[in-house]
C-alpha atoms as a PDB file:
ATOM      1  CA  UNK A   1     -53.033  13.159  58.422  1.00  0.00           C
ATOM      2  CA  UNK A   2     -52.141   9.500  58.250  1.00  0.00           C
ATOM      3  CA  UNK A   3     -48.705   8.630  56.895  1.00  0.00           C
ATOM      4  CA  UNK A   4     -48.523   5.428  54.871  1.00  0.00           C
ATOM      5  CA  UNK A   5     -45.073   3.912  54.385  1.00  0.00           C
ATOM      6  CA  UNK A   6     -44.101   0.951  52.212  1.00  0.00           C
ATOM      7  CA  UNK A   7     -43.201  -2.186  54.129  1.00  0.00           C
ATOM      8  CA  UNK A   8     -39.642  -3.273  53.313  1.00  0.00           C
ATOM      9  CA  UNK A   9     -39.989  -6.625  55.070  1.00  0.00           C
ATOM     10  CA  UNK A  10     -40.530  -9.977  53.351  1.00  0.00           C
ATOM     11  CA  UNK A  11     -44.302 -10.462  53.362  1.00  0.00           C
ATOM     12  CA  UNK A  12     -45.453 -13.884  54.616  1.00  0.00           C
ATOM     13  CA  UNK A  13     -48.833 -15.281  53.620  1.00  0.00           C
ATOM     14  CA  UNK A  14     -49.220 -18.093  56.186  1.00  0.00           C
ATOM     15  CA  UNK A  15     -47.854 -19.507  59.450  1.00  0.00           C
ATOM     16  CA  UNK A  16     -45.484 -22.000  57.815  1.00  0.00           C
ATOM     17  CA  UNK A  17     -43.913 -19.321  55.625  1.00  0.00           C
ATOM     18  CA  UNK A  18     -43.663 -16.959  58.614  1.00  0.00           C
ATOM     19  CA  UNK A  19     -41.860 -19.517  60.794  1.00  0.00           C
ATOM     20  CA  UNK A  20     -39.450 -20.359  57.987  1.00  0.00           C
ATOM     21  CA  UNK A  21     -38.730 -16.657  57.318  1.00  0.00           C
ATOM     22  CA  UNK A  22     -38.052 -15.991  61.025  1.00  0.00           C
ATOM     23  CA  UNK A  23     -35.888 -19.134  61.282  1.00  0.00           C
ATOM     24  CA  UNK A  24     -33.948 -18.258  58.097  1.00  0.00           C
ATOM     25  CA  UNK A  25     -33.270 -14.733  59.363  1.00  0.00           C
ATOM     26  CA  UNK A  26     -32.102 -16.190  62.673  1.00  0.00           C
ATOM     27  CA  UNK A  27     -29.779 -18.742  61.025  1.00  0.00           C
ATOM     28  CA  UNK A  28     -28.251 -16.031  58.827  1.00  0.00           C
ATOM     29  CA  UNK A  29     -27.638 -13.713  61.815  1.00  0.00           C
ATOM     30  CA  UNK A  30     -26.417 -15.812  64.767  1.00  0.00           C
ATOM     31  CA  UNK A  31     -24.830 -12.861  66.604  1.00  0.00           C
ATOM     32  CA  UNK A  32     -28.096 -10.976  67.114  1.00  0.00           C
ATOM     33  CA  UNK A  33     -29.914 -10.520  70.416  1.00  0.00           C
ATOM     34  CA  UNK A  34     -32.058 -13.566  71.191  1.00  0.00           C
ATOM     35  CA  UNK A  35     -35.827 -13.332  71.496  1.00  0.00           C
ATOM     36  CA  UNK A  36     -35.405 -14.548  75.098  1.00  0.00           C
ATOM     37  CA  UNK A  37     -33.138 -11.574  75.895  1.00  0.00           C
ATOM     38  CA  UNK A  38     -35.520  -9.192  74.121  1.00  0.00           C
ATOM     39  CA  UNK A  39     -38.467 -10.472  76.173  1.00  0.00           C
ATOM     40  CA  UNK A  40     -36.409 -10.337  79.404  1.00  0.00           C
ATOM     41  CA  UNK A  41     -35.520  -6.697  78.678  1.00  0.00           C
ATOM     42  CA  UNK A  42     -39.190  -5.876  78.041  1.00  0.00           C
ATOM     43  CA  UNK A  43     -40.153  -7.608  81.311  1.00  0.00           C
ATOM     44  CA  UNK A  44     -37.507  -5.685  83.291  1.00  0.00           C
ATOM     45  CA  UNK A  45     -38.681  -2.332  81.896  1.00  0.00           C
ATOM     46  CA  UNK A  46     -42.357  -3.186  82.490  1.00  0.00           C
ATOM     47  CA  UNK A  47     -41.627  -3.943  86.149  1.00  0.00           C
ATOM     48  CA  UNK A  48     -40.126  -0.478  86.780  1.00  0.00           C
ATOM     49  CA  UNK A  49     -42.907   1.338  88.683  1.00  0.00           C
ATOM     50  CA  UNK A  50     -41.713   4.844  87.820  1.00  0.00           C
ATOM     51  CA  UNK A  51     -41.379   4.226  84.090  1.00  0.00           C
ATOM     52  CA  UNK A  52     -44.372   5.915  82.477  1.00  0.00           C
ATOM     53  CA  UNK A  53     -45.658   6.412  78.939  1.00  0.00           C
ATOM     54  CA  UNK A  54     -44.462  10.016  79.066  1.00  0.00           C
ATOM     55  CA  UNK A  55     -40.907   8.729  79.548  1.00  0.00           C
ATOM     56  CA  UNK A  56     -41.160   5.767  77.164  1.00  0.00           C
ATOM     57  CA  UNK A  57     -43.839   5.419  74.477  1.00  0.00           C
ATOM     58  CA  UNK A  58     -44.710   2.203  72.620  1.00  0.00           C
ATOM     59  CA  UNK A  59     -41.980   2.158  69.973  1.00  0.00           C
ATOM     60  CA  UNK A  60     -39.440   3.712  72.351  1.00  0.00           C
ATOM     61  CA  UNK A  61     -40.130   0.842  74.765  1.00  0.00           C
ATOM     62  CA  UNK A  62     -39.350  -1.788  72.111  1.00  0.00           C
ATOM     63  CA  UNK A  63     -36.281   0.129  70.901  1.00  0.00           C
ATOM     64  CA  UNK A  64     -34.917   0.415  74.457  1.00  0.00           C
ATOM     65  CA  UNK A  65     -35.489  -3.333  74.981  1.00  0.00           C
ATOM     66  CA  UNK A  66     -33.544  -3.954  71.731  1.00  0.00           C
ATOM     67  CA  UNK A  67     -30.689  -2.009  73.364  1.00  0.00           C
ATOM     68  CA  UNK A  68     -31.214   1.001  71.099  1.00  0.00           C
ATOM     69  CA  UNK A  69     -31.281  -0.922  67.824  1.00  0.00           C
ATOM     70  CA  UNK A  70     -33.892  -0.220  65.181  1.00  0.00           C
ATOM     71  CA  UNK A  71     -36.141   2.776  64.765  1.00  0.00           C
ATOM     72  CA  UNK A  72     -38.414   4.864  66.946  1.00  0.00           C
ATOM     73  CA  UNK A  73     -41.956   5.165  65.602  1.00  0.00           C
ATOM     74  CA  UNK A  74     -44.516   2.414  65.010  1.00  0.00           C
ATOM     75  CA  UNK A  75     -44.869   3.141  61.280  1.00  0.00           C
ATOM     76  CA  UNK A  76     -41.112   3.472  60.804  1.00  0.00           C
ATOM     77  CA  UNK A  77     -40.419   0.271  62.743  1.00  0.00           C
ATOM     78  CA  UNK A  78     -42.814  -1.802  60.682  1.00  0.00           C
ATOM     79  CA  UNK A  79     -41.688  -0.301  57.381  1.00  0.00           C
ATOM     80  CA  UNK A  80     -37.924  -0.255  57.914  1.00  0.00           C
ATOM     81  CA  UNK A  81     -36.656  -2.529  60.646  1.00  0.00           C
ATOM     82  CA  UNK A  82     -38.623  -5.746  60.253  1.00  0.00           C
ATOM     83  CA  UNK A  83     -37.023  -8.669  58.405  1.00  0.00           C
ATOM     84  CA  UNK A  84     -40.384 -10.292  57.698  1.00  0.00           C
ATOM     85  CA  UNK A  85     -43.993  -9.380  58.384  1.00  0.00           C
ATOM     86  CA  UNK A  86     -47.613 -10.260  57.704  1.00  0.00           C
ATOM     87  CA  UNK A  87     -51.168 -10.240  58.940  1.00  0.00           C
ATOM     88  CA  UNK A  88     -52.009 -12.084  62.158  1.00  0.00           C
ATOM     89  CA  UNK A  89     -55.129 -13.466  60.456  1.00  0.00           C
ATOM     90  CA  UNK A  90     -52.900 -15.178  57.853  1.00  0.00           C
ATOM     91  CA  UNK A  91     -51.121 -17.067  60.653  1.00  0.00           C
ATOM     92  CA  UNK A  92     -54.446 -18.576  61.671  1.00  0.00           C
ATOM     93  CA  UNK A  93     -54.805 -16.034  64.468  1.00  0.00           C
ATOM     94  CA  UNK A  94     -52.973 -15.728  67.767  1.00  0.00           C
ATOM     95  CA  UNK A  95     -51.995 -19.407  67.851  1.00  0.00           C
ATOM     96  CA  UNK A  96     -49.580 -18.774  64.966  1.00  0.00           C
ATOM     97  CA  UNK A  97     -47.647 -16.022  66.753  1.00  0.00           C
ATOM     98  CA  UNK A  98     -44.100 -16.570  68.059  1.00  0.00           C
ATOM     99  CA  UNK A  99     -43.072 -14.878  71.341  1.00  0.00           C
ATOM    100  CA  UNK A 100     -40.856 -11.961  70.356  1.00  0.00           C
ATOM    101  CA  UNK A 101     -42.900 -11.004  67.273  1.00  0.00           C
ATOM    102  CA  UNK A 102     -43.620  -7.313  67.181  1.00  0.00           C
ATOM    103  CA  UNK A 103     -47.338  -6.616  66.850  1.00  0.00           C
ATOM    104  CA  UNK A 104     -48.917  -3.601  65.201  1.00  0.00           C
ATOM    105  CA  UNK A 105     -52.288  -1.898  65.139  1.00  0.00           C
ATOM    106  CA  UNK A 106     -53.088  -0.048  61.946  1.00  0.00           C
ATOM    107  CA  UNK A 107     -54.422  -0.301  58.438  1.00  0.00           C
ATOM    108  CA  UNK A 108     -53.413  -0.518  54.787  1.00  0.00           C
ATOM    109  CA  UNK A 109     -53.525   2.475  52.469  1.00  0.00           C
ATOM    110  CA  UNK A 110     -56.647   2.305  50.302  1.00  0.00           C
ATOM    111  CA  UNK A 111     -55.655   1.149  46.809  1.00  0.00           C
ATOM    112  CA  UNK A 112     -51.941   0.969  47.690  1.00  0.00           C
ATOM    113  CA  UNK A 113     -50.860  -2.629  48.376  1.00  0.00           C
ATOM    114  CA  UNK A 114     -47.763  -2.878  50.559  1.00  0.00           C
ATOM    115  CA  UNK A 115     -48.283   0.529  52.215  1.00  0.00           C
ATOM    116  CA  UNK A 116     -49.292   0.603  55.871  1.00  0.00           C
ATOM    117  CA  UNK A 117     -50.151   3.078  58.596  1.00  0.00           C
ATOM    118  CA  UNK A 118     -49.314   1.807  62.082  1.00  0.00           C
ATOM    119  CA  UNK A 119     -50.567   3.677  65.111  1.00  0.00           C
ATOM    120  CA  UNK A 120     -49.357   1.427  67.945  1.00  0.00           C
ATOM    121  CA  UNK A 121     -46.926  -1.429  68.538  1.00  0.00           C
ATOM    122  CA  UNK A 122     -46.152  -4.064  71.152  1.00  0.00           C
ATOM    123  CA  UNK A 123     -44.314  -7.379  71.443  1.00  0.00           C
ATOM    124  CA  UNK A 124     -46.043 -10.750  71.728  1.00  0.00           C
ATOM    125  CA  UNK A 125     -45.135 -12.446  75.022  1.00  0.00           C
ATOM    126  CA  UNK A 126     -46.913 -15.785  74.500  1.00  0.00           C
ATOM    127  CA  UNK A 127     -49.680 -17.076  76.783  1.00  0.00           C
ATOM    128  CA  UNK A 128     -49.064 -15.627  80.228  1.00  0.00           C
ATOM    129  CA  UNK A 129     -50.789 -15.580  83.605  1.00  0.00           C
ATOM    130  CA  UNK A 130     -51.386 -11.953  84.547  1.00  0.00           C
ATOM    131  CA  UNK A 131     -52.022 -12.764  88.195  1.00  0.00           C
ATOM    132  CA  UNK A 132     -55.441 -14.413  88.138  1.00  0.00           C
ATOM    133  CA  UNK A 133     -54.358 -17.975  87.275  1.00  0.00           C
ATOM    134  CA  UNK A 134     -55.667 -17.779  83.683  1.00  0.00           C
ATOM    135  CA  UNK A 135     -53.047 -18.067  80.898  1.00  0.00           C
ATOM    136  CA  UNK A 136     -53.967 -15.770  77.995  1.00  0.00           C
ATOM    137  CA  UNK A 137     -52.214 -14.263  74.962  1.00  0.00           C
ATOM    138  CA  UNK A 138     -50.248 -11.281  76.266  1.00  0.00           C
ATOM    139  CA  UNK A 139     -48.399  -8.291  74.825  1.00  0.00           C
ATOM    140  CA  UNK A 140     -45.640  -6.077  76.171  1.00  0.00           C
ATOM    141  CA  UNK A 141     -46.760  -2.564  75.289  1.00  0.00           C
ATOM    142  CA  UNK A 142     -46.492   1.015  76.503  1.00  0.00           C
ATOM    143  CA  UNK A 143     -49.751   2.900  76.410  1.00  0.00           C
ATOM    144  CA  UNK A 144     -51.102   6.106  77.961  1.00  0.00           C
ATOM    145  CA  UNK A 145     -54.002   4.140  79.445  1.00  0.00           C
ATOM    146  CA  UNK A 146     -55.278   0.582  79.929  1.00  0.00           C
ATOM    147  CA  UNK A 147     -59.041   1.116  80.098  1.00  0.00           C
ATOM    148  CA  UNK A 148     -60.282  -2.467  79.912  1.00  0.00           C
ATOM    149  CA  UNK A 149     -57.195  -4.640  79.592  1.00  0.00           C
ATOM    150  CA  UNK A 150     -55.986  -7.041  82.238  1.00  0.00           C
ATOM    151  CA  UNK A 151     -52.427  -6.038  83.124  1.00  0.00           C
ATOM    152  CA  UNK A 152     -49.615  -7.496  85.191  1.00  0.00           C
ATOM    153  CA  UNK A 153     -48.188  -4.361  86.816  1.00  0.00           C
ATOM    154  CA  UNK A 154     -50.449  -1.898  88.609  1.00  0.00           C
ATOM    155  CA  UNK A 155     -49.480   1.203  86.690  1.00  0.00           C
ATOM    156  CA  UNK A 156     -51.777   3.825  85.209  1.00  0.00           C
ATOM    157  CA  UNK A 157     -49.709   3.978  82.024  1.00  0.00           C
ATOM    158  CA  UNK A 158     -46.349   3.129  80.535  1.00  0.00           C
ATOM    159  CA  UNK A 159     -44.596  -0.180  79.810  1.00  0.00           C
ATOM    160  CA  UNK A 160     -46.612  -3.173  80.990  1.00  0.00           C
ATOM    161  CA  UNK A 161     -47.589  -6.741  80.160  1.00  0.00           C
ATOM    162  CA  UNK A 162     -51.244  -6.804  79.180  1.00  0.00           C
ATOM    163  CA  UNK A 163     -53.849  -9.148  77.791  1.00  0.00           C
ATOM    164  CA  UNK A 164     -53.897  -9.106  73.993  1.00  0.00           C
ATOM    165  CA  UNK A 165     -56.861  -7.166  72.619  1.00  0.00           C
ATOM    166  CA  UNK A 166     -58.497  -7.717  69.229  1.00  0.00           C
ATOM    167  CA  UNK A 167     -56.961  -4.488  67.854  1.00  0.00           C
ATOM    168  CA  UNK A 168     -53.690  -6.102  66.775  1.00  0.00           C
ATOM    169  CA  UNK A 169     -53.695  -6.762  63.009  1.00  0.00           C
ATOM    170  CA  UNK A 170     -50.077  -7.241  61.865  1.00  0.00           C
ATOM    171  CA  UNK A 171     -46.883  -8.914  63.046  1.00  0.00           C
ATOM    172  CA  UNK A 172     -43.251  -8.238  62.209  1.00  0.00           C
ATOM    173  CA  UNK A 173     -39.943  -9.854  63.139  1.00  0.00           C
ATOM    174  CA  UNK A 174     -37.206  -7.379  64.039  1.00  0.00           C
ATOM    175  CA  UNK A 175     -33.977  -7.483  62.005  1.00  0.00           C
ATOM    176  CA  UNK A 176     -32.181  -7.101  65.352  1.00  0.00           C
ATOM    177  CA  UNK A 177     -33.571 -10.238  67.034  1.00  0.00           C
ATOM    178  CA  UNK A 178     -33.052 -13.940  66.383  1.00  0.00           C
ATOM    179  CA  UNK A 179     -35.230 -16.881  67.328  1.00  0.00           C
ATOM    180  CA  UNK A 180     -34.218 -20.454  67.995  1.00  0.00           C
ATOM    181  CA  UNK A 181     -37.046 -22.839  67.282  1.00  0.00           C
ATOM    182  CA  UNK A 182     -37.346 -25.800  69.599  1.00  0.00           C
ATOM    183  CA  UNK A 183     -37.002 -28.927  67.506  1.00  0.00           C
ATOM    184  CA  UNK A 184     -39.272 -31.902  68.391  1.00  0.00           C
END
């Protein structure tokens, strides 16, 4: 049975609002882990050859990279530990994503706005070369299998950096991470 939880995060309707919400959260919480540190922790865990999905599932991977902060469980993470969130489509697609945004696969509860069921999560890594010289949108994720996805580390399962599939629908910004926008 699917479990729909209400999303406690500030809902953002477009890319401009999303960037401002992430920046405002970051300004208000300067002592938090940086997105750069978060991504470096994800990269370090992905590179560990013996770290498998059985030892670290998708939300456990993100929680470990956040140094134990936040919640374990994709639905719980999206509903309770994100400062702001929204649909990737409302950002204009992948181009509107910020590296460090947590990504979710799932759906909304029929007839219940603001309630979501998330079945998988990952963290957007930006456009990355996965070893073939082609930069592409990539996601740090832990999965039991990578049937058709290009991946960086030759592992059968577990934490890895993979190409971003079309299954990702939502984004969230962790309450435990801050982002510093590069000013022009």
